[in-house]
Amino acid sequence: MEINNLLKMDGHIVLGIVNEKLRLECDSVDELTSRYELESEDLMDKMEQLGFHYDPITNQFK
């Protein structure tokens, strides 16, 4: 699966993939967007539209 297509996927799938990558591979949302060449603003907008916000303490979207 191409992570570059992430923002076009169903919201629940996006949430699961993003939180898994944050849990297993990336220490922050900035590292995630950099590693997978995603636009930080686009990811944050997508997650906000879905009703989720990034929590830096737990390093996940809730």
Protein backbone atom coordinates (compact mmCIF):
# COMPACT_ATOMS: atom_id res chain seq x y z
CA MET A 1 0.00 0.00 0.00
CA GLU A 2 1.23 3.46 -0.86
CA ILE A 3 1.11 5.72 2.17
CA ASN A 4 1.02 8.66 -0.25
CA ASN A 5 -2.61 7.71 -0.98
CA LEU A 6 -3.38 7.86 2.73
CA LEU A 7 -5.35 11.09 2.65
CA LYS A 8 -7.71 9.68 0.02
CA MET A 9 -8.72 6.69 2.16
CA ASP A 10 -11.65 6.20 4.51
CA GLY A 11 -11.20 8.16 7.74
CA HIS A 12 -11.14 5.17 10.07
CA ILE A 13 -8.48 3.48 7.98
CA VAL A 14 -6.43 6.71 8.00
CA LEU A 15 -6.70 6.92 11.79
CA GLY A 16 -5.57 3.31 12.22
CA ILE A 17 -2.62 3.61 9.86
CA VAL A 18 -1.44 6.95 11.22
CA ASN A 19 -1.64 5.85 14.85
CA GLU A 20 0.12 2.57 14.04
CA LYS A 21 2.96 4.43 12.30
CA LEU A 22 3.21 6.82 15.25
CA ARG A 23 3.27 3.94 17.73
CA LEU A 24 5.79 1.75 15.91
CA GLU A 25 7.95 3.97 13.71
CA CYS A 26 7.75 7.69 14.45
CA ASP A 27 8.29 9.71 17.61
CA SER A 28 6.15 12.63 16.45
CA VAL A 29 3.69 13.69 13.79
CA ASP A 30 6.45 15.84 12.27
CA GLU A 31 8.65 12.77 11.85
CA LEU A 32 5.73 10.88 10.31
CA THR A 33 4.99 13.57 7.74
CA SER A 34 8.67 13.98 6.92
CA ARG A 35 9.37 10.25 6.61
CA TYR A 36 6.39 9.62 4.34
CA GLU A 37 6.60 12.92 2.46
CA LEU A 38 3.14 14.04 3.52
CA GLU A 39 2.07 17.63 3.89
CA SER A 40 1.65 18.23 7.61
CA GLU A 41 -1.18 20.70 7.06
CA ASP A 42 -3.06 18.25 4.82
CA LEU A 43 -2.79 15.47 7.39
CA MET A 44 -3.87 17.73 10.24
CA ASP A 45 -6.81 19.04 8.17
CA LYS A 46 -7.92 15.49 7.31
CA MET A 47 -7.76 14.37 10.92
CA GLU A 48 -9.56 17.49 12.13
CA GLN A 49 -12.35 16.90 9.59
CA LEU A 50 -12.72 13.43 11.10
CA GLY A 51 -12.89 14.90 14.60
CA PHE A 52 -9.43 13.83 15.77
CA HIS A 53 -6.64 15.93 17.24
CA TYR A 54 -3.00 15.06 17.79
CA ASP A 55 -1.95 14.47 21.39
CA PRO A 56 1.84 14.87 21.65
CA ILE A 57 1.93 13.29 25.12
CA THR A 58 0.60 9.95 23.89
CA ASN A 59 1.86 10.50 20.31
CA GLN A 60 -1.47 9.60 18.75
CA PHE A 61 -4.59 11.09 17.26
CA LYS A 62 -7.61 10.91 19.57
